[in-house]
Amino acid sequence: MYRVLKQYFSETENCKYTLKVEALRSTLSDQSLSDKDFITMQQVSVSADYVLLDKAKKVVLKNTLSSRGSSAVISNPYSTVVATEKTEQDLRKTLAEQIAFHIAAYLDRTEQ
């Protein structure tokens, strides 16, 4: 998540705002079977709280975002773990992009 956010926002010593991403959570649903019972899927949900602070440490933007996806549950436990981790990684990237877009929209509104 940090690397994706860093692509959107540069780090400088005299910046106007500070971004804090807190409470990154991942949850897995109970397994649900496909129609043909050949593949079992699980829902993966990732959420995060973020806060944008101004120089005076006043909260100017605060939100909770979440993203959902699914991954396969395969008979090989290692493959299932890899699939779940990849899904979580992709969802964290999506969350970082959502945070960046929310902040960009806020900055666009306030600096006009």
C-alpha atoms as a PDB file:
ATOM      1  CA  MET A   1       0.000   0.000   0.000  1.00  0.00           C
ATOM      2  CA  TYR A   2       2.840   2.373   0.873  1.00  0.00           C
ATOM      3  CA  ARG A   3       4.511   1.961  -2.527  1.00  0.00           C
ATOM      4  CA  VAL A   4       1.290   2.652  -4.410  1.00  0.00           C
ATOM      5  CA  LEU A   5       0.553   5.769  -2.345  1.00  0.00           C
ATOM      6  CA  LYS A   6       4.133   6.959  -2.818  1.00  0.00           C
ATOM      7  CA  GLN A   7       3.588   6.841  -6.598  1.00  0.00           C
ATOM      8  CA  TYR A   8       0.793   9.381  -6.195  1.00  0.00           C
ATOM      9  CA  PHE A   9       2.271  11.594  -3.479  1.00  0.00           C
ATOM     10  CA  SER A  10       5.865  12.686  -3.090  1.00  0.00           C
ATOM     11  CA  GLU A  11       7.428  12.970   0.333  1.00  0.00           C
ATOM     12  CA  THR A  12       8.837  16.370   1.219  1.00  0.00           C
ATOM     13  CA  GLU A  13       9.850  17.959   4.466  1.00  0.00           C
ATOM     14  CA  ASN A  14       7.610  21.006   4.050  1.00  0.00           C
ATOM     15  CA  CYS A  15       4.386  19.347   2.974  1.00  0.00           C
ATOM     16  CA  LYS A  16       0.951  20.820   3.652  1.00  0.00           C
ATOM     17  CA  TYR A  17      -0.650  17.541   4.689  1.00  0.00           C
ATOM     18  CA  THR A  18       0.125  14.284   6.449  1.00  0.00           C
ATOM     19  CA  LEU A  19      -1.626  11.062   5.497  1.00  0.00           C
ATOM     20  CA  LYS A  20      -2.125   8.321   8.060  1.00  0.00           C
ATOM     21  CA  VAL A  21      -3.525   4.957   7.038  1.00  0.00           C
ATOM     22  CA  GLU A  22      -4.706   2.990  10.042  1.00  0.00           C
ATOM     23  CA  ALA A  23      -6.477  -0.216  10.918  1.00  0.00           C
ATOM     24  CA  LEU A  24      -5.800  -2.196   7.764  1.00  0.00           C
ATOM     25  CA  ARG A  25      -8.068  -5.233   8.119  1.00  0.00           C
ATOM     26  CA  SER A  26      -8.494  -8.409   6.084  1.00  0.00           C
ATOM     27  CA  THR A  27     -11.351 -10.841   6.490  1.00  0.00           C
ATOM     28  CA  LEU A  28     -12.167 -14.115   4.796  1.00  0.00           C
ATOM     29  CA  SER A  29     -15.708 -15.340   4.419  1.00  0.00           C
ATOM     30  CA  ASP A  30     -16.813 -18.886   4.908  1.00  0.00           C
ATOM     31  CA  GLN A  31     -16.190 -20.982   1.869  1.00  0.00           C
ATOM     32  CA  SER A  32     -18.955 -21.111  -0.696  1.00  0.00           C
ATOM     33  CA  LEU A  33     -19.213 -23.778  -3.355  1.00  0.00           C
ATOM     34  CA  SER A  34     -19.550 -23.149  -7.052  1.00  0.00           C
ATOM     35  CA  ASP A  35     -22.499 -24.508  -9.021  1.00  0.00           C
ATOM     36  CA  LYS A  36     -20.669 -27.625 -10.069  1.00  0.00           C
ATOM     37  CA  ASP A  37     -18.812 -28.155  -6.769  1.00  0.00           C
ATOM     38  CA  PHE A  38     -15.497 -28.371  -8.632  1.00  0.00           C
ATOM     39  CA  ILE A  39     -14.016 -25.198  -7.229  1.00  0.00           C
ATOM     40  CA  THR A  40     -14.594 -23.655  -3.854  1.00  0.00           C
ATOM     41  CA  MET A  41     -14.272 -19.889  -3.568  1.00  0.00           C
ATOM     42  CA  GLN A  42     -13.906 -17.612  -0.603  1.00  0.00           C
ATOM     43  CA  GLN A  43     -14.663 -13.925  -0.352  1.00  0.00           C
ATOM     44  CA  VAL A  44     -11.790 -11.698   0.721  1.00  0.00           C
ATOM     45  CA  SER A  45     -12.451  -8.241   2.117  1.00  0.00           C
ATOM     46  CA  VAL A  46      -9.835  -5.629   2.937  1.00  0.00           C
ATOM     47  CA  SER A  47     -10.594  -2.313   4.613  1.00  0.00           C
ATOM     48  CA  ALA A  48      -8.609   0.609   5.949  1.00  0.00           C
ATOM     49  CA  ASP A  49      -9.203   3.847   7.798  1.00  0.00           C
ATOM     50  CA  TYR A  50      -7.317   6.911   6.654  1.00  0.00           C
ATOM     51  CA  VAL A  51      -6.910  10.421   7.980  1.00  0.00           C
ATOM     52  CA  LEU A  52      -5.515  13.475   6.213  1.00  0.00           C
ATOM     53  CA  LEU A  53      -4.091  16.071   8.590  1.00  0.00           C
ATOM     54  CA  ASP A  54      -3.088  19.644   7.835  1.00  0.00           C
ATOM     55  CA  LYS A  55       0.080  21.314   9.203  1.00  0.00           C
ATOM     56  CA  ALA A  56      -1.714  22.130  12.459  1.00  0.00           C
ATOM     57  CA  LYS A  57      -2.546  18.400  12.836  1.00  0.00           C
ATOM     58  CA  LYS A  58      -6.239  19.168  12.290  1.00  0.00           C
ATOM     59  CA  VAL A  59      -8.198  16.390  10.588  1.00  0.00           C
ATOM     60  CA  VAL A  60      -9.339  17.688   7.200  1.00  0.00           C
ATOM     61  CA  LEU A  61     -10.418  14.383   5.660  1.00  0.00           C
ATOM     62  CA  LYS A  62     -11.295  11.074   7.289  1.00  0.00           C
ATOM     63  CA  ASN A  63     -12.809   7.958   5.774  1.00  0.00           C
ATOM     64  CA  THR A  64     -13.024   4.178   5.842  1.00  0.00           C
ATOM     65  CA  LEU A  65     -12.752   2.336   2.550  1.00  0.00           C
ATOM     66  CA  SER A  66     -13.128  -1.314   1.689  1.00  0.00           C
ATOM     67  CA  SER A  67     -12.580  -3.531  -1.299  1.00  0.00           C
ATOM     68  CA  ARG A  68     -13.764  -7.088  -1.935  1.00  0.00           C
ATOM     69  CA  GLY A  69     -12.690  -9.941  -4.129  1.00  0.00           C
ATOM     70  CA  SER A  70     -12.592 -13.709  -4.169  1.00  0.00           C
ATOM     71  CA  SER A  71      -9.964 -16.414  -4.336  1.00  0.00           C
ATOM     72  CA  ALA A  72     -10.029 -20.090  -5.061  1.00  0.00           C
ATOM     73  CA  VAL A  73      -9.801 -22.695  -2.317  1.00  0.00           C
ATOM     74  CA  ILE A  74      -7.912 -25.583  -3.841  1.00  0.00           C
ATOM     75  CA  SER A  75      -7.171 -29.040  -2.482  1.00  0.00           C
ATOM     76  CA  ASN A  76      -3.509 -28.025  -2.145  1.00  0.00           C
ATOM     77  CA  PRO A  77      -3.310 -25.819   0.985  1.00  0.00           C
ATOM     78  CA  TYR A  78      -0.187 -24.010  -0.243  1.00  0.00           C
ATOM     79  CA  SER A  79      -1.942 -22.957  -3.458  1.00  0.00           C
ATOM     80  CA  THR A  80      -4.894 -21.696  -1.456  1.00  0.00           C
ATOM     81  CA  VAL A  81      -2.630 -19.561   0.749  1.00  0.00           C
ATOM     82  CA  VAL A  82      -0.840 -18.128  -2.294  1.00  0.00           C
ATOM     83  CA  ALA A  83      -4.159 -17.345  -4.034  1.00  0.00           C
ATOM     84  CA  THR A  84      -5.534 -15.661  -0.912  1.00  0.00           C
ATOM     85  CA  GLU A  85      -2.381 -13.595  -0.369  1.00  0.00           C
ATOM     86  CA  LYS A  86      -2.381 -12.476  -4.013  1.00  0.00           C
ATOM     87  CA  THR A  87      -6.025 -11.435  -3.748  1.00  0.00           C
ATOM     88  CA  GLU A  88      -5.317  -9.488  -0.539  1.00  0.00           C
ATOM     89  CA  GLN A  89      -2.326  -7.795  -2.178  1.00  0.00           C
ATOM     90  CA  ASP A  90      -4.442  -6.747  -5.169  1.00  0.00           C
ATOM     91  CA  LEU A  91      -7.176  -5.446  -2.861  1.00  0.00           C
ATOM     92  CA  ARG A  92      -4.668  -3.405  -0.821  1.00  0.00           C
ATOM     93  CA  LYS A  93      -3.451  -1.844  -4.078  1.00  0.00           C
ATOM     94  CA  THR A  94      -7.041  -0.997  -4.991  1.00  0.00           C
ATOM     95  CA  LEU A  95      -7.544   0.588  -1.555  1.00  0.00           C
ATOM     96  CA  ALA A  96      -4.406   2.687  -1.958  1.00  0.00           C
ATOM     97  CA  GLU A  97      -5.656   3.929  -5.329  1.00  0.00           C
ATOM     98  CA  GLN A  98      -9.067   4.740  -3.828  1.00  0.00           C
ATOM     99  CA  ILE A  99      -7.385   6.718  -1.032  1.00  0.00           C
ATOM    100  CA  ALA A 100      -5.273   8.617  -3.568  1.00  0.00           C
ATOM    101  CA  PHE A 101      -8.352   9.479  -5.647  1.00  0.00           C
ATOM    102  CA  HIS A 102     -10.306  10.650  -2.584  1.00  0.00           C
ATOM    103  CA  ILE A 103      -7.431  12.901  -1.529  1.00  0.00           C
ATOM    104  CA  ALA A 104      -6.976  14.244  -5.053  1.00  0.00           C
ATOM    105  CA  ALA A 105     -10.688  15.106  -5.211  1.00  0.00           C
ATOM    106  CA  TYR A 106     -10.480  16.826  -1.820  1.00  0.00           C
ATOM    107  CA  LEU A 107      -7.416  18.827  -2.836  1.00  0.00           C
ATOM    108  CA  ASP A 108      -9.037  19.799  -6.122  1.00  0.00           C
ATOM    109  CA  ARG A 109     -12.099  21.139  -4.258  1.00  0.00           C
ATOM    110  CA  THR A 110     -10.121  23.048  -1.620  1.00  0.00           C
ATOM    111  CA  GLU A 111      -7.499  24.610  -3.860  1.00  0.00           C
ATOM    112  CA  GLN A 112      -9.893  26.148  -6.383  1.00  0.00           C
END
